[in-house]
Amino acid sequence: MAGMPSHSTPVAAIDLGTNTALMLLARLDSSGRLLVMEDLCETTRLGAGLARSGGLCEAGMRRALEALLRFAALLDEHGVDGASCRVVATAVLRRANNSEPFIAQVARETGFQVEVISEADEARLGHQAVVGEGFGAETLIVDVGGGSTELAGRAGALRFSVPVGAVVLTELYLGLDGAPPVESGGFSALWDRAERELSSFPSGLARKAPEVVCLGGTATNLACLDLRLATFDPKRAEGHRFPRSAAREWALRLHNLPLKQRRLLPIEADRAEILPAGLACVAAALTQLQAQTARVSGKGIRYGVARELLLKSAP
């Protein structure tokens, strides 16, 4: 990143998703490398109830607002102002029928101006994050979220999004947080839905790409399982290459385990309930792309947002 200032002032990128709220606080060193000061993740499950009612539930909004208030307090401590912070929201607020009142409440109580980004912008920022971490521009990225799954590649020119993710599929077919499923069919129907939706991705595209990278929490948890770690360790998961078969095998294995037993494995306890559905999306996407293996990165769209903010602030 030629022209970047030495020891740039920090910026904050917040990604408000269906399952998590993530905040990256970062700056650049004199060589233009991203220096992470804080990288925080809170499970808010803002999208709980979305598949059932079409809107955000009170509990999910409260959890998300509390997380954003904590983020705002931390940014105050670091002296990061509104001009150096960008808050983006993805599928959950694109889809919810009561997004606007929630966004207004966030602005009143935290000062954050939440920007609901498009599917194309979400895919672009995910691809930009991966390229910024050293992967080539032709790398394909698959980003499984709580409410949607994105595909991007060809230097960001290729962008696809489908409206299924780990939270939505779990709520629809398995039930979420103790509630019954919205639709019948169980895990078999969930798997069929993931395959059907993700068949819209270009078939065999991975055969022409140098690398496929799976972004986000689902992939990071899968890496910890595939590595057979003693505990969940996102740093060790970063960059891990896993075979496509691992996503299917762990999806089935986790589904057949009671939730209590899943939480004994090296995964995030808060993700244990929705992880089988997330892995079904990974497996379906990689099968459609005909990727035999994929790499893992937890450095998702917040990294792309942060890099854009830092470029914007450069003299």
C-alpha atoms as a PDB file:
ATOM      1  CA  MET A   1       0.000   0.000   0.000  1.00  0.00           C
ATOM      2  CA  ALA A   2       2.278   2.703  -1.236  1.00  0.00           C
ATOM      3  CA  GLY A   3       1.600   6.146   0.092  1.00  0.00           C
ATOM      4  CA  MET A   4       0.230   4.967   3.429  1.00  0.00           C
ATOM      5  CA  PRO A   5       1.215   7.106   6.415  1.00  0.00           C
ATOM      6  CA  SER A   6       3.584   5.660   8.953  1.00  0.00           C
ATOM      7  CA  HIS A   7       1.756   4.463  12.057  1.00  0.00           C
ATOM      8  CA  SER A   8      -1.645   5.597  10.804  1.00  0.00           C
ATOM      9  CA  THR A   9      -4.401   6.501  13.210  1.00  0.00           C
ATOM     10  CA  PRO A  10      -6.721   3.597  14.051  1.00  0.00           C
ATOM     11  CA  VAL A  11     -10.023   2.879  12.366  1.00  0.00           C
ATOM     12  CA  ALA A  12     -12.894   0.670  13.484  1.00  0.00           C
ATOM     13  CA  ALA A  13     -14.926  -1.700  11.306  1.00  0.00           C
ATOM     14  CA  ILE A  14     -18.048  -3.304  12.758  1.00  0.00           C
ATOM     15  CA  ASP A  15     -19.882  -6.144  11.031  1.00  0.00           C
ATOM     16  CA  LEU A  16     -23.401  -6.645  12.378  1.00  0.00           C
ATOM     17  CA  GLY A  17     -24.552 -10.028  11.162  1.00  0.00           C
ATOM     18  CA  THR A  18     -27.331 -12.523  11.684  1.00  0.00           C
ATOM     19  CA  ASN A  19     -25.425 -14.465  14.339  1.00  0.00           C
ATOM     20  CA  THR A  20     -22.551 -12.265  15.512  1.00  0.00           C
ATOM     21  CA  ALA A  21     -21.400  -8.701  15.962  1.00  0.00           C
ATOM     22  CA  LEU A  22     -17.719  -8.301  15.091  1.00  0.00           C
ATOM     23  CA  MET A  23     -15.456  -5.319  15.609  1.00  0.00           C
ATOM     24  CA  LEU A  24     -11.966  -4.786  14.229  1.00  0.00           C
ATOM     25  CA  LEU A  25      -9.838  -1.917  15.499  1.00  0.00           C
ATOM     26  CA  ALA A  26      -6.727  -1.569  13.368  1.00  0.00           C
ATOM     27  CA  ARG A  27      -4.134   0.765  11.927  1.00  0.00           C
ATOM     28  CA  LEU A  28      -1.280   0.497   9.457  1.00  0.00           C
ATOM     29  CA  ASP A  29       2.421   0.318  10.157  1.00  0.00           C
ATOM     30  CA  SER A  30       5.009   2.177   8.067  1.00  0.00           C
ATOM     31  CA  SER A  31       5.077  -0.706   5.561  1.00  0.00           C
ATOM     32  CA  GLY A  32       1.329  -0.608   4.998  1.00  0.00           C
ATOM     33  CA  ARG A  33       0.663  -3.809   6.942  1.00  0.00           C
ATOM     34  CA  LEU A  34      -2.523  -4.056   8.935  1.00  0.00           C
ATOM     35  CA  LEU A  35      -1.878  -3.988  12.678  1.00  0.00           C
ATOM     36  CA  VAL A  36      -4.768  -5.413  14.692  1.00  0.00           C
ATOM     37  CA  MET A  37      -5.385  -3.625  17.976  1.00  0.00           C
ATOM     38  CA  GLU A  38      -8.689  -5.338  18.832  1.00  0.00           C
ATOM     39  CA  ASP A  39     -10.628  -8.070  17.045  1.00  0.00           C
ATOM     40  CA  LEU A  40     -13.800  -8.825  18.978  1.00  0.00           C
ATOM     41  CA  CYS A  41     -16.690 -11.197  18.411  1.00  0.00           C
ATOM     42  CA  GLU A  42     -19.963 -11.306  20.325  1.00  0.00           C
ATOM     43  CA  THR A  43     -22.747 -13.788  19.599  1.00  0.00           C
ATOM     44  CA  THR A  44     -25.909 -11.696  19.507  1.00  0.00           C
ATOM     45  CA  ARG A  45     -28.083 -13.898  17.261  1.00  0.00           C
ATOM     46  CA  LEU A  46     -29.821 -10.785  16.032  1.00  0.00           C
ATOM     47  CA  GLY A  47     -31.533 -12.878  13.373  1.00  0.00           C
ATOM     48  CA  ALA A  48     -33.238 -15.283  15.791  1.00  0.00           C
ATOM     49  CA  GLY A  49     -36.907 -15.460  14.830  1.00  0.00           C
ATOM     50  CA  LEU A  50     -36.355 -13.995  11.378  1.00  0.00           C
ATOM     51  CA  ALA A  51     -37.249 -17.189   9.519  1.00  0.00           C
ATOM     52  CA  ARG A  52     -40.397 -17.583  11.620  1.00  0.00           C
ATOM     53  CA  SER A  53     -41.778 -14.044  11.734  1.00  0.00           C
ATOM     54  CA  GLY A  54     -39.915 -12.057   9.095  1.00  0.00           C
ATOM     55  CA  GLY A  55     -38.726  -9.600  11.733  1.00  0.00           C
ATOM     56  CA  LEU A  56     -36.196  -9.079  14.501  1.00  0.00           C
ATOM     57  CA  CYS A  57     -37.216 -10.296  17.952  1.00  0.00           C
ATOM     58  CA  GLU A  58     -36.904  -8.146  21.069  1.00  0.00           C
ATOM     59  CA  ALA A  59     -34.288 -10.412  22.673  1.00  0.00           C
ATOM     60  CA  GLY A  60     -32.067 -10.399  19.591  1.00  0.00           C
ATOM     61  CA  MET A  61     -32.264  -6.624  19.256  1.00  0.00           C
ATOM     62  CA  ARG A  62     -31.414  -6.206  22.939  1.00  0.00           C
ATOM     63  CA  ARG A  63     -28.378  -8.487  22.674  1.00  0.00           C
ATOM     64  CA  ALA A  64     -27.123  -6.685  19.578  1.00  0.00           C
ATOM     65  CA  LEU A  65     -27.640  -3.254  21.121  1.00  0.00           C
ATOM     66  CA  GLU A  66     -25.758  -4.278  24.275  1.00  0.00           C
ATOM     67  CA  ALA A  67     -22.835  -5.520  22.175  1.00  0.00           C
ATOM     68  CA  LEU A  68     -22.759  -2.291  20.171  1.00  0.00           C
ATOM     69  CA  LEU A  69     -22.801  -0.228  23.380  1.00  0.00           C
ATOM     70  CA  ARG A  70     -19.747  -2.161  24.584  1.00  0.00           C
ATOM     71  CA  PHE A  71     -18.026  -1.554  21.243  1.00  0.00           C
ATOM     72  CA  ALA A  72     -18.832   2.171  21.453  1.00  0.00           C
ATOM     73  CA  ALA A  73     -17.346   2.407  24.950  1.00  0.00           C
ATOM     74  CA  LEU A  74     -14.146   0.722  23.768  1.00  0.00           C
ATOM     75  CA  LEU A  75     -13.835   3.079  20.809  1.00  0.00           C
ATOM     76  CA  ASP A  76     -14.233   6.035  23.163  1.00  0.00           C
ATOM     77  CA  GLU A  77     -11.319   4.683  25.206  1.00  0.00           C
ATOM     78  CA  HIS A  78      -9.193   4.540  22.052  1.00  0.00           C
ATOM     79  CA  GLY A  79     -10.303   7.984  20.879  1.00  0.00           C
ATOM     80  CA  VAL A  80     -11.813   6.694  17.629  1.00  0.00           C
ATOM     81  CA  ASP A  81     -14.456   9.108  16.303  1.00  0.00           C
ATOM     82  CA  GLY A  82     -17.358   8.579  13.931  1.00  0.00           C
ATOM     83  CA  ALA A  83     -15.356   9.534  10.850  1.00  0.00           C
ATOM     84  CA  SER A  84     -12.965   6.657  11.551  1.00  0.00           C
ATOM     85  CA  CYS A  85     -15.664   4.059  12.136  1.00  0.00           C
ATOM     86  CA  ARG A  86     -17.983   2.221   9.752  1.00  0.00           C
ATOM     87  CA  VAL A  87     -20.780  -0.110  10.852  1.00  0.00           C
ATOM     88  CA  VAL A  88     -22.144  -2.446   8.182  1.00  0.00           C
ATOM     89  CA  ALA A  89     -25.040  -4.855   8.452  1.00  0.00           C
ATOM     90  CA  THR A  90     -25.700  -7.774   6.158  1.00  0.00           C
ATOM     91  CA  ALA A  91     -28.518 -10.261   5.443  1.00  0.00           C
ATOM     92  CA  VAL A  92     -30.306  -9.868   8.764  1.00  0.00           C
ATOM     93  CA  LEU A  93     -31.143  -6.198   8.251  1.00  0.00           C
ATOM     94  CA  ARG A  94     -31.617  -6.552   4.509  1.00  0.00           C
ATOM     95  CA  ARG A  95     -34.404  -9.016   5.194  1.00  0.00           C
ATOM     96  CA  ALA A  96     -36.068  -8.009   8.475  1.00  0.00           C
ATOM     97  CA  ASN A  97     -39.325  -6.103   8.173  1.00  0.00           C
ATOM     98  CA  ASN A  98     -38.509  -3.984  11.239  1.00  0.00           C
ATOM     99  CA  SER A  99     -34.919  -3.014  10.427  1.00  0.00           C
ATOM    100  CA  GLU A 100     -35.518   0.727  10.297  1.00  0.00           C
ATOM    101  CA  PRO A 101     -36.742   1.199  13.898  1.00  0.00           C
ATOM    102  CA  PHE A 102     -33.818  -0.887  15.144  1.00  0.00           C
ATOM    103  CA  ILE A 103     -31.298   1.123  13.124  1.00  0.00           C
ATOM    104  CA  ALA A 104     -32.790   4.325  14.527  1.00  0.00           C
ATOM    105  CA  GLN A 105     -32.525   2.979  18.084  1.00  0.00           C
ATOM    106  CA  VAL A 106     -28.880   2.042  17.533  1.00  0.00           C
ATOM    107  CA  ALA A 107     -28.147   5.572  16.318  1.00  0.00           C
ATOM    108  CA  ARG A 108     -29.865   7.137  19.355  1.00  0.00           C
ATOM    109  CA  GLU A 109     -28.205   4.946  21.957  1.00  0.00           C
ATOM    110  CA  THR A 110     -24.739   4.351  20.504  1.00  0.00           C
ATOM    111  CA  GLY A 111     -24.170   7.063  17.904  1.00  0.00           C
ATOM    112  CA  PHE A 112     -23.410   4.398  15.293  1.00  0.00           C
ATOM    113  CA  GLN A 113     -24.865   4.944  11.827  1.00  0.00           C
ATOM    114  CA  VAL A 114     -25.622   1.436  10.612  1.00  0.00           C
ATOM    115  CA  GLU A 115     -25.238   0.937   6.857  1.00  0.00           C
ATOM    116  CA  VAL A 116     -27.135  -1.992   5.358  1.00  0.00           C
ATOM    117  CA  ILE A 117     -24.935  -3.194   2.518  1.00  0.00           C
ATOM    118  CA  SER A 118     -26.045  -5.096  -0.568  1.00  0.00           C
ATOM    119  CA  GLU A 119     -25.267  -8.724  -1.328  1.00  0.00           C
ATOM    120  CA  ALA A 120     -22.807  -7.585  -3.990  1.00  0.00           C
ATOM    121  CA  ASP A 121     -21.018  -5.237  -1.605  1.00  0.00           C
ATOM    122  CA  GLU A 122     -20.840  -7.940   1.042  1.00  0.00           C
ATOM    123  CA  ALA A 123     -19.201 -10.325  -1.434  1.00  0.00           C
ATOM    124  CA  ARG A 124     -16.828  -7.600  -2.636  1.00  0.00           C
ATOM    125  CA  LEU A 125     -15.690  -6.690   0.874  1.00  0.00           C
ATOM    126  CA  GLY A 126     -15.122 -10.340   1.747  1.00  0.00           C
ATOM    127  CA  HIS A 127     -12.993 -10.778  -1.363  1.00  0.00           C
ATOM    128  CA  GLN A 128     -11.083  -7.597  -0.590  1.00  0.00           C
ATOM    129  CA  ALA A 129     -10.370  -8.880   2.915  1.00  0.00           C
ATOM    130  CA  VAL A 130      -8.933 -12.131   1.557  1.00  0.00           C
ATOM    131  CA  VAL A 131      -6.780 -10.409  -1.054  1.00  0.00           C
ATOM    132  CA  GLY A 132      -5.544  -7.998   1.629  1.00  0.00           C
ATOM    133  CA  GLU A 133      -4.330 -10.976   3.628  1.00  0.00           C
ATOM    134  CA  GLY A 134      -2.058 -12.086   0.801  1.00  0.00           C
ATOM    135  CA  PHE A 135      -4.224 -14.276  -1.442  1.00  0.00           C
ATOM    136  CA  GLY A 136      -4.297 -13.644  -5.187  1.00  0.00           C
ATOM    137  CA  ALA A 137      -7.012 -11.598  -6.869  1.00  0.00           C
ATOM    138  CA  GLU A 138      -8.359 -14.706  -8.640  1.00  0.00           C
ATOM    139  CA  THR A 139      -9.015 -16.483  -5.339  1.00  0.00           C
ATOM    140  CA  LEU A 140     -12.604 -17.636  -4.837  1.00  0.00           C
ATOM    141  CA  ILE A 141     -14.151 -16.873  -1.467  1.00  0.00           C
ATOM    142  CA  VAL A 142     -17.127 -18.642   0.081  1.00  0.00           C
ATOM    143  CA  ASP A 143     -18.561 -16.764   3.051  1.00  0.00           C
ATOM    144  CA  VAL A 144     -21.212 -18.641   5.038  1.00  0.00           C
ATOM    145  CA  GLY A 145     -23.037 -16.312   7.389  1.00  0.00           C
ATOM    146  CA  GLY A 146     -26.071 -16.669   9.578  1.00  0.00           C
ATOM    147  CA  GLY A 147     -28.517 -15.449   6.961  1.00  0.00           C
ATOM    148  CA  SER A 148     -26.813 -15.772   3.588  1.00  0.00           C
ATOM    149  CA  THR A 149     -23.890 -17.345   1.742  1.00  0.00           C
ATOM    150  CA  GLU A 150     -21.704 -15.295  -0.588  1.00  0.00           C
ATOM    151  CA  LEU A 151     -19.347 -16.229  -3.397  1.00  0.00           C
ATOM    152  CA  ALA A 152     -16.838 -13.794  -4.884  1.00  0.00           C
ATOM    153  CA  GLY A 153     -13.856 -14.043  -7.217  1.00  0.00           C
ATOM    154  CA  ARG A 154     -12.141 -12.745 -10.349  1.00  0.00           C
ATOM    155  CA  ALA A 155     -10.712  -9.709  -8.605  1.00  0.00           C
ATOM    156  CA  GLY A 156     -14.126  -9.018  -7.086  1.00  0.00           C
ATOM    157  CA  ALA A 157     -15.965  -8.960 -10.437  1.00  0.00           C
ATOM    158  CA  LEU A 158     -17.708 -12.277  -9.749  1.00  0.00           C
ATOM    159  CA  ARG A 159     -20.369 -11.968  -7.013  1.00  0.00           C
ATOM    160  CA  PHE A 160     -23.184 -14.277  -6.011  1.00  0.00           C
ATOM    161  CA  SER A 161     -25.371 -14.421  -2.909  1.00  0.00           C
ATOM    162  CA  VAL A 162     -28.004 -16.913  -1.767  1.00  0.00           C
ATOM    163  CA  PRO A 163     -30.431 -16.308   1.139  1.00  0.00           C
ATOM    164  CA  VAL A 164     -29.474 -19.319   3.281  1.00  0.00           C
ATOM    165  CA  GLY A 165     -27.080 -19.470   6.195  1.00  0.00           C
ATOM    166  CA  ALA A 166     -26.490 -21.209   9.500  1.00  0.00           C
ATOM    167  CA  VAL A 167     -29.118 -19.410  11.609  1.00  0.00           C
ATOM    168  CA  VAL A 168     -31.865 -19.331   8.983  1.00  0.00           C
ATOM    169  CA  LEU A 169     -31.548 -23.018   8.059  1.00  0.00           C
ATOM    170  CA  THR A 170     -31.376 -24.116  11.700  1.00  0.00           C
ATOM    171  CA  GLU A 171     -34.504 -22.159  12.583  1.00  0.00           C
ATOM    172  CA  LEU A 172     -36.363 -23.422   9.530  1.00  0.00           C
ATOM    173  CA  TYR A 173     -35.664 -27.143   9.810  1.00  0.00           C
ATOM    174  CA  LEU A 174     -34.244 -27.976  13.251  1.00  0.00           C
ATOM    175  CA  GLY A 175     -35.614 -25.304  15.558  1.00  0.00           C
ATOM    176  CA  LEU A 176     -33.613 -22.611  17.329  1.00  0.00           C
ATOM    177  CA  ASP A 177     -33.209 -21.770  21.010  1.00  0.00           C
ATOM    178  CA  GLY A 178     -35.730 -24.389  22.066  1.00  0.00           C
ATOM    179  CA  ALA A 179     -38.437 -23.376  19.575  1.00  0.00           C
ATOM    180  CA  PRO A 180     -39.844 -25.957  17.137  1.00  0.00           C
ATOM    181  CA  PRO A 181     -38.786 -25.848  13.486  1.00  0.00           C
ATOM    182  CA  VAL A 182     -40.763 -23.679  11.094  1.00  0.00           C
ATOM    183  CA  GLU A 183     -40.889 -26.362   8.404  1.00  0.00           C
ATOM    184  CA  SER A 184     -40.921 -30.162   8.439  1.00  0.00           C
ATOM    185  CA  GLY A 185     -38.275 -32.528   7.134  1.00  0.00           C
ATOM    186  CA  GLY A 186     -35.481 -32.155   9.680  1.00  0.00           C
ATOM    187  CA  PHE A 187     -31.831 -32.344   8.726  1.00  0.00           C
ATOM    188  CA  SER A 188     -32.535 -34.118   5.430  1.00  0.00           C
ATOM    189  CA  ALA A 189     -34.706 -31.206   4.294  1.00  0.00           C
ATOM    190  CA  LEU A 190     -32.089 -28.748   5.531  1.00  0.00           C
ATOM    191  CA  TRP A 191     -29.418 -30.471   3.456  1.00  0.00           C
ATOM    192  CA  ASP A 192     -31.630 -30.548   0.378  1.00  0.00           C
ATOM    193  CA  ARG A 193     -32.384 -26.827   0.768  1.00  0.00           C
ATOM    194  CA  ALA A 194     -28.693 -25.950   1.070  1.00  0.00           C
ATOM    195  CA  GLU A 195     -27.855 -27.953  -2.056  1.00  0.00           C
ATOM    196  CA  ARG A 196     -30.771 -26.478  -4.001  1.00  0.00           C
ATOM    197  CA  GLU A 197     -29.976 -22.872  -3.116  1.00  0.00           C
ATOM    198  CA  LEU A 198     -26.239 -23.192  -3.658  1.00  0.00           C
ATOM    199  CA  SER A 199     -26.712 -24.835  -7.048  1.00  0.00           C
ATOM    200  CA  SER A 200     -27.019 -21.242  -8.326  1.00  0.00           C
ATOM    201  CA  PHE A 201     -23.247 -20.873  -7.905  1.00  0.00           C
ATOM    202  CA  PRO A 202     -21.347 -21.506 -11.179  1.00  0.00           C
ATOM    203  CA  SER A 203     -20.646 -25.208 -11.542  1.00  0.00           C
ATOM    204  CA  GLY A 204     -17.003 -26.267 -11.553  1.00  0.00           C
ATOM    205  CA  LEU A 205     -15.660 -22.754 -11.071  1.00  0.00           C
ATOM    206  CA  ALA A 206     -12.973 -23.900  -8.620  1.00  0.00           C
ATOM    207  CA  ARG A 207     -11.221 -25.879 -11.355  1.00  0.00           C
ATOM    208  CA  LYS A 208     -10.191 -22.559 -12.931  1.00  0.00           C
ATOM    209  CA  ALA A 209      -9.255 -20.775  -9.677  1.00  0.00           C
ATOM    210  CA  PRO A 210      -5.882 -20.973  -7.942  1.00  0.00           C
ATOM    211  CA  GLU A 211      -7.436 -21.172  -4.463  1.00  0.00           C
ATOM    212  CA  VAL A 212     -10.742 -21.330  -2.598  1.00  0.00           C
ATOM    213  CA  VAL A 213     -10.997 -19.653   0.793  1.00  0.00           C
ATOM    214  CA  CYS A 214     -13.885 -20.203   3.192  1.00  0.00           C
ATOM    215  CA  LEU A 215     -14.484 -17.139   5.348  1.00  0.00           C
ATOM    216  CA  GLY A 216     -16.049 -16.770   8.762  1.00  0.00           C
ATOM    217  CA  GLY A 217     -16.942 -18.594  11.929  1.00  0.00           C
ATOM    218  CA  THR A 218     -18.306 -21.769  10.356  1.00  0.00           C
ATOM    219  CA  ALA A 219     -15.032 -22.374   8.511  1.00  0.00           C
ATOM    220  CA  THR A 220     -12.913 -21.490  11.545  1.00  0.00           C
ATOM    221  CA  ASN A 221     -14.803 -23.975  13.713  1.00  0.00           C
ATOM    222  CA  LEU A 222     -14.497 -26.638  11.024  1.00  0.00           C
ATOM    223  CA  ALA A 223     -10.728 -26.116  10.932  1.00  0.00           C
ATOM    224  CA  CYS A 224     -10.475 -26.667  14.687  1.00  0.00           C
ATOM    225  CA  LEU A 225     -12.425 -29.914  14.307  1.00  0.00           C
ATOM    226  CA  ASP A 226     -10.391 -31.064  11.312  1.00  0.00           C
ATOM    227  CA  LEU A 227      -7.148 -30.307  13.168  1.00  0.00           C
ATOM    228  CA  ARG A 228      -8.502 -32.200  16.194  1.00  0.00           C
ATOM    229  CA  LEU A 229      -7.450 -29.447  18.550  1.00  0.00           C
ATOM    230  CA  ALA A 230      -7.981 -29.755  22.282  1.00  0.00           C
ATOM    231  CA  THR A 231      -9.816 -26.411  22.413  1.00  0.00           C
ATOM    232  CA  PHE A 232     -11.174 -23.843  19.979  1.00  0.00           C
ATOM    233  CA  ASP A 233      -8.225 -21.806  18.679  1.00  0.00           C
ATOM    234  CA  PRO A 234      -8.935 -19.409  15.777  1.00  0.00           C
ATOM    235  CA  LYS A 235      -5.251 -18.499  15.417  1.00  0.00           C
ATOM    236  CA  ARG A 236      -4.302 -22.109  14.712  1.00  0.00           C
ATOM    237  CA  ALA A 237      -7.298 -22.453  12.399  1.00  0.00           C
ATOM    238  CA  GLU A 238      -6.232 -19.508  10.226  1.00  0.00           C
ATOM    239  CA  GLY A 239      -4.961 -20.711   6.839  1.00  0.00           C
ATOM    240  CA  HIS A 240      -5.753 -24.391   7.478  1.00  0.00           C
ATOM    241  CA  ARG A 241      -6.517 -26.409   4.367  1.00  0.00           C
ATOM    242  CA  PHE A 242      -9.294 -28.967   4.734  1.00  0.00           C
ATOM    243  CA  PRO A 243     -10.778 -31.528   2.334  1.00  0.00           C
ATOM    244  CA  ARG A 244     -14.305 -30.946   1.064  1.00  0.00           C
ATOM    245  CA  SER A 245     -15.396 -34.226   2.636  1.00  0.00           C
ATOM    246  CA  ALA A 246     -14.643 -32.855   6.115  1.00  0.00           C
ATOM    247  CA  ALA A 247     -17.514 -30.361   5.917  1.00  0.00           C
ATOM    248  CA  ARG A 248     -20.058 -33.072   5.157  1.00  0.00           C
ATOM    249  CA  GLU A 249     -18.653 -35.539   7.689  1.00  0.00           C
ATOM    250  CA  TRP A 250     -18.631 -33.035  10.549  1.00  0.00           C
ATOM    251  CA  ALA A 251     -22.071 -31.686   9.653  1.00  0.00           C
ATOM    252  CA  LEU A 252     -23.559 -35.170   9.978  1.00  0.00           C
ATOM    253  CA  ARG A 253     -21.546 -36.049  13.069  1.00  0.00           C
ATOM    254  CA  LEU A 254     -22.486 -32.875  14.907  1.00  0.00           C
ATOM    255  CA  HIS A 255     -26.138 -33.175  13.975  1.00  0.00           C
ATOM    256  CA  ASN A 256     -26.218 -36.644  15.532  1.00  0.00           C
ATOM    257  CA  LEU A 257     -24.689 -35.404  18.789  1.00  0.00           C
ATOM    258  CA  PRO A 258     -26.750 -33.787  21.564  1.00  0.00           C
ATOM    259  CA  LEU A 259     -25.964 -30.103  21.995  1.00  0.00           C
ATOM    260  CA  LYS A 260     -24.277 -30.754  25.334  1.00  0.00           C
ATOM    261  CA  GLN A 261     -21.835 -33.189  23.725  1.00  0.00           C
ATOM    262  CA  ARG A 262     -21.114 -30.883  20.796  1.00  0.00           C
ATOM    263  CA  ARG A 263     -19.940 -28.264  23.253  1.00  0.00           C
ATOM    264  CA  LEU A 264     -17.244 -30.629  24.498  1.00  0.00           C
ATOM    265  CA  LEU A 265     -15.595 -30.444  21.075  1.00  0.00           C
ATOM    266  CA  PRO A 266     -13.109 -27.693  20.048  1.00  0.00           C
ATOM    267  CA  ILE A 267     -15.801 -25.319  18.784  1.00  0.00           C
ATOM    268  CA  GLU A 268     -17.437 -22.131  20.012  1.00  0.00           C
ATOM    269  CA  ALA A 269     -20.139 -23.039  22.505  1.00  0.00           C
ATOM    270  CA  ASP A 270     -22.444 -20.314  21.166  1.00  0.00           C
ATOM    271  CA  ARG A 271     -22.139 -21.702  17.633  1.00  0.00           C
ATOM    272  CA  ALA A 272     -22.717 -25.359  18.486  1.00  0.00           C
ATOM    273  CA  GLU A 273     -26.452 -25.251  17.750  1.00  0.00           C
ATOM    274  CA  ILE A 274     -26.130 -23.735  14.276  1.00  0.00           C
ATOM    275  CA  LEU A 275     -22.825 -25.273  13.147  1.00  0.00           C
ATOM    276  CA  PRO A 276     -24.291 -28.348  11.368  1.00  0.00           C
ATOM    277  CA  ALA A 277     -26.353 -26.049   9.138  1.00  0.00           C
ATOM    278  CA  GLY A 278     -23.354 -23.824   8.434  1.00  0.00           C
ATOM    279  CA  LEU A 279     -21.283 -26.859   7.486  1.00  0.00           C
ATOM    280  CA  ALA A 280     -24.047 -28.068   5.176  1.00  0.00           C
ATOM    281  CA  CYS A 281     -23.705 -24.751   3.319  1.00  0.00           C
ATOM    282  CA  VAL A 282     -19.923 -25.129   3.109  1.00  0.00           C
ATOM    283  CA  ALA A 283     -20.241 -28.678   1.793  1.00  0.00           C
ATOM    284  CA  ALA A 284     -22.899 -27.725  -0.763  1.00  0.00           C
ATOM    285  CA  ALA A 285     -20.934 -24.719  -2.001  1.00  0.00           C
ATOM    286  CA  LEU A 286     -17.662 -26.615  -2.408  1.00  0.00           C
ATOM    287  CA  THR A 287     -19.456 -29.483  -4.158  1.00  0.00           C
ATOM    288  CA  GLN A 288     -21.096 -27.089  -6.639  1.00  0.00           C
ATOM    289  CA  LEU A 289     -17.768 -25.337  -7.281  1.00  0.00           C
ATOM    290  CA  GLN A 290     -16.029 -28.746  -7.545  1.00  0.00           C
ATOM    291  CA  ALA A 291     -13.365 -27.694  -5.049  1.00  0.00           C
ATOM    292  CA  GLN A 292     -11.557 -30.661  -3.541  1.00  0.00           C
ATOM    293  CA  THR A 293     -10.005 -28.576  -0.768  1.00  0.00           C
ATOM    294  CA  ALA A 294     -10.320 -25.081   0.679  1.00  0.00           C
ATOM    295  CA  ARG A 295      -8.390 -22.803   3.004  1.00  0.00           C
ATOM    296  CA  VAL A 296      -9.849 -21.160   6.113  1.00  0.00           C
ATOM    297  CA  SER A 297      -9.861 -17.514   7.149  1.00  0.00           C
ATOM    298  CA  GLY A 298     -11.672 -15.831   9.994  1.00  0.00           C
ATOM    299  CA  LYS A 299     -10.726 -12.415   8.600  1.00  0.00           C
ATOM    300  CA  GLY A 300     -14.002 -11.499   6.976  1.00  0.00           C
ATOM    301  CA  ILE A 301     -15.663  -8.355   5.691  1.00  0.00           C
ATOM    302  CA  ARG A 302     -14.604  -6.225   8.669  1.00  0.00           C
ATOM    303  CA  TYR A 303     -11.046  -6.517   7.332  1.00  0.00           C
ATOM    304  CA  GLY A 304     -12.194  -5.287   3.936  1.00  0.00           C
ATOM    305  CA  VAL A 305     -14.054  -2.395   5.562  1.00  0.00           C
ATOM    306  CA  ALA A 306     -11.019  -1.450   7.660  1.00  0.00           C
ATOM    307  CA  ARG A 307      -8.732  -1.409   4.638  1.00  0.00           C
ATOM    308  CA  GLU A 308     -11.135   0.868   2.761  1.00  0.00           C
ATOM    309  CA  LEU A 309     -11.280   3.251   5.725  1.00  0.00           C
ATOM    310  CA  LEU A 310      -7.491   3.345   5.940  1.00  0.00           C
ATOM    311  CA  LEU A 311      -7.162   4.012   2.205  1.00  0.00           C
ATOM    312  CA  LYS A 312      -9.716   6.817   2.522  1.00  0.00           C
ATOM    313  CA  SER A 313      -7.758   8.428   5.343  1.00  0.00           C
ATOM    314  CA  ALA A 314      -4.438   8.291   3.474  1.00  0.00           C
ATOM    315  CA  PRO A 315      -3.082  11.704   2.389  1.00  0.00           C
END
